[in-house]
Structures are given as C-alpha cells and as structure tokens.
C-alpha cells in the first residue's frame, strides 16, 4: 500500500489525473527532464510512475520507489497501477505536495 503520494512523469500525466479523480493522491510531476523528475520524486518521498525504462532504472539506483507502467491504453494503465500498488480500497481526496501549490502559504 502506498503511504504517500504518487507522481507520474509527463508520459503518464493523463493517467495521474484519472487516479486523482478516483481519490488517489496522484499528480504529474510539474517539471521536465529526468534529473528534475528524479529530484522532485526523491524530495517528495513519492512513488514515481513512468513508462520510461531508463528513467525507471535510474530511479531505482537512487532509492526512489518506482513503478514501470508498460500498458499503452488508459484502462490497462489504471488497472495495473491500482493492482500493483494495492489501491483497491481508495478513500479520501487527491492531495498536492506542500510547496507545489502556489496558493499554499
């Protein structure tokens, strides 16, 4: 079970939005470039969702929890993520990580 947030790279941004609509604390990483994505994921202590094999390997080497999503269709991605991260019992609302939402103090 995921304790914190779920972050998705740009290739899975649509998927993260659907997870958020389902009440799962998920969002797409607001930066581009693998180094920045890894930095933000590490700092947030989040699970990184990616379909990029090289990014997945780099994340693992840095001790970042990562889920490599190989499915191409949205339904397949959602089913894989929910099953892999044991998210079948979802409640609550989607959250942002402090510091990313400019409206927060």
Protein backbone atom coordinates (compact mmCIF):
# COMPACT_ATOMS: atom_id res chain seq x y z
CA UNK A 1 0.00 0.00 0.00
CA UNK A 2 1.28 3.46 -0.86
CA UNK A 3 1.86 5.62 2.21
CA UNK A 4 2.48 8.91 0.42
CA UNK A 5 1.87 10.47 -2.91
CA UNK A 6 2.13 9.12 -6.41
CA UNK A 7 3.92 11.17 -9.05
CA UNK A 8 3.77 10.50 -12.76
CA UNK A 9 6.16 11.62 -15.46
CA UNK A 10 4.84 13.54 -18.45
CA UNK A 11 4.06 10.35 -20.39
CA UNK A 12 1.58 9.28 -17.69
CA UNK A 13 0.14 12.70 -16.85
CA UNK A 14 -3.33 11.78 -18.14
CA UNK A 15 -3.25 8.60 -16.08
CA UNK A 16 -2.33 10.53 -12.92
CA UNK A 17 -5.26 12.87 -13.47
CA UNK A 18 -7.62 9.90 -13.64
CA UNK A 19 -6.10 8.48 -10.45
CA UNK A 20 -6.70 11.86 -8.81
CA UNK A 21 -10.32 11.82 -9.90
CA UNK A 22 -10.64 8.44 -8.20
CA UNK A 23 -9.47 10.00 -4.94
CA UNK A 24 -5.91 8.73 -5.10
CA UNK A 25 -3.21 11.21 -4.10
CA UNK A 26 -1.60 11.35 -7.52
CA UNK A 27 -0.32 14.10 -9.75
CA UNK A 28 2.01 14.60 -12.65
CA UNK A 29 5.48 15.94 -11.92
CA UNK A 30 5.45 19.68 -12.70
CA UNK A 31 8.94 19.58 -14.24
CA UNK A 32 10.52 18.04 -17.30
CA UNK A 33 13.85 16.36 -17.68
CA UNK A 34 14.80 13.13 -15.99
CA UNK A 35 17.15 14.72 -13.46
CA UNK A 36 14.46 17.13 -12.27
CA UNK A 37 11.82 14.39 -12.12
CA UNK A 38 14.14 12.25 -10.01
CA UNK A 39 14.99 15.15 -7.72
CA UNK A 40 11.33 16.04 -7.11
CA UNK A 41 10.35 12.39 -6.59
CA UNK A 42 13.17 11.82 -4.11
CA UNK A 43 12.40 15.01 -2.19
CA UNK A 44 8.69 14.18 -2.01
CA UNK A 45 9.26 10.56 -1.00
CA UNK A 46 6.69 9.61 -3.61
CA UNK A 47 6.18 6.61 -5.83
CA UNK A 48 7.18 7.53 -9.37
CA UNK A 49 5.07 6.22 -12.23
CA UNK A 50 6.83 6.05 -15.57
CA UNK A 51 6.75 4.15 -18.83
CA UNK A 52 10.41 5.07 -19.48
CA UNK A 53 12.64 2.06 -18.79
CA UNK A 54 15.82 4.15 -18.42
CA UNK A 55 14.14 6.58 -16.01
CA UNK A 56 12.87 3.62 -14.00
CA UNK A 57 16.37 2.15 -13.72
CA UNK A 58 17.85 5.50 -12.67
CA UNK A 59 15.13 5.95 -10.04
CA UNK A 60 15.81 2.52 -8.57
CA UNK A 61 19.54 3.27 -8.36
CA UNK A 62 18.72 6.42 -6.37
CA UNK A 63 16.45 4.57 -3.97
CA UNK A 64 13.23 6.03 -5.34
CA UNK A 65 10.19 3.79 -5.30
CA UNK A 66 9.16 3.44 -8.94
CA UNK A 67 6.53 1.56 -10.90
CA UNK A 68 7.29 0.88 -14.57
CA UNK A 69 3.99 1.01 -16.43
CA UNK A 70 4.14 -0.86 -19.73
CA UNK A 71 0.49 -0.79 -20.72
CA UNK A 72 -0.36 1.58 -23.55
CA UNK A 73 -4.10 2.06 -23.01
CA UNK A 74 -5.52 4.14 -20.14
CA UNK A 75 -7.72 1.36 -18.73
CA UNK A 76 -4.81 -1.06 -18.70
CA UNK A 77 -2.56 1.51 -17.01
CA UNK A 78 -5.11 2.28 -14.31
CA UNK A 79 -5.80 -1.40 -13.61
CA UNK A 80 -2.07 -2.19 -13.44
CA UNK A 81 -1.29 0.71 -11.10
CA UNK A 82 -4.23 0.02 -8.79
CA UNK A 83 -3.34 -3.66 -8.54
CA UNK A 84 0.44 -3.16 -8.26
CA UNK A 85 0.18 -0.52 -5.54
CA UNK A 86 -2.70 -2.27 -3.76
CA UNK A 87 -5.01 0.71 -4.19
CA UNK A 88 -8.23 -1.28 -4.44
CA UNK A 89 -9.60 0.34 -1.27
CA UNK A 90 -9.44 4.04 -2.01
CA UNK A 91 -10.95 6.80 0.08
CA UNK A 92 -10.27 10.48 0.57
CA UNK A 93 -9.31 13.22 -1.81
CA UNK A 94 -6.34 13.86 -4.01
CA UNK A 95 -3.64 15.95 -2.38
CA UNK A 96 -0.85 18.18 -3.54
CA UNK A 97 2.61 18.02 -2.08
CA UNK A 98 3.37 21.06 0.06
CA UNK A 99 5.29 23.65 -1.88
CA UNK A 100 3.91 22.81 -5.30
CA UNK A 101 0.58 24.57 -4.96
CA UNK A 102 1.32 28.29 -5.19
CA UNK A 103 -1.89 29.09 -3.29
CA UNK A 104 -0.50 27.45 -0.13
CA UNK A 105 1.34 29.70 2.37
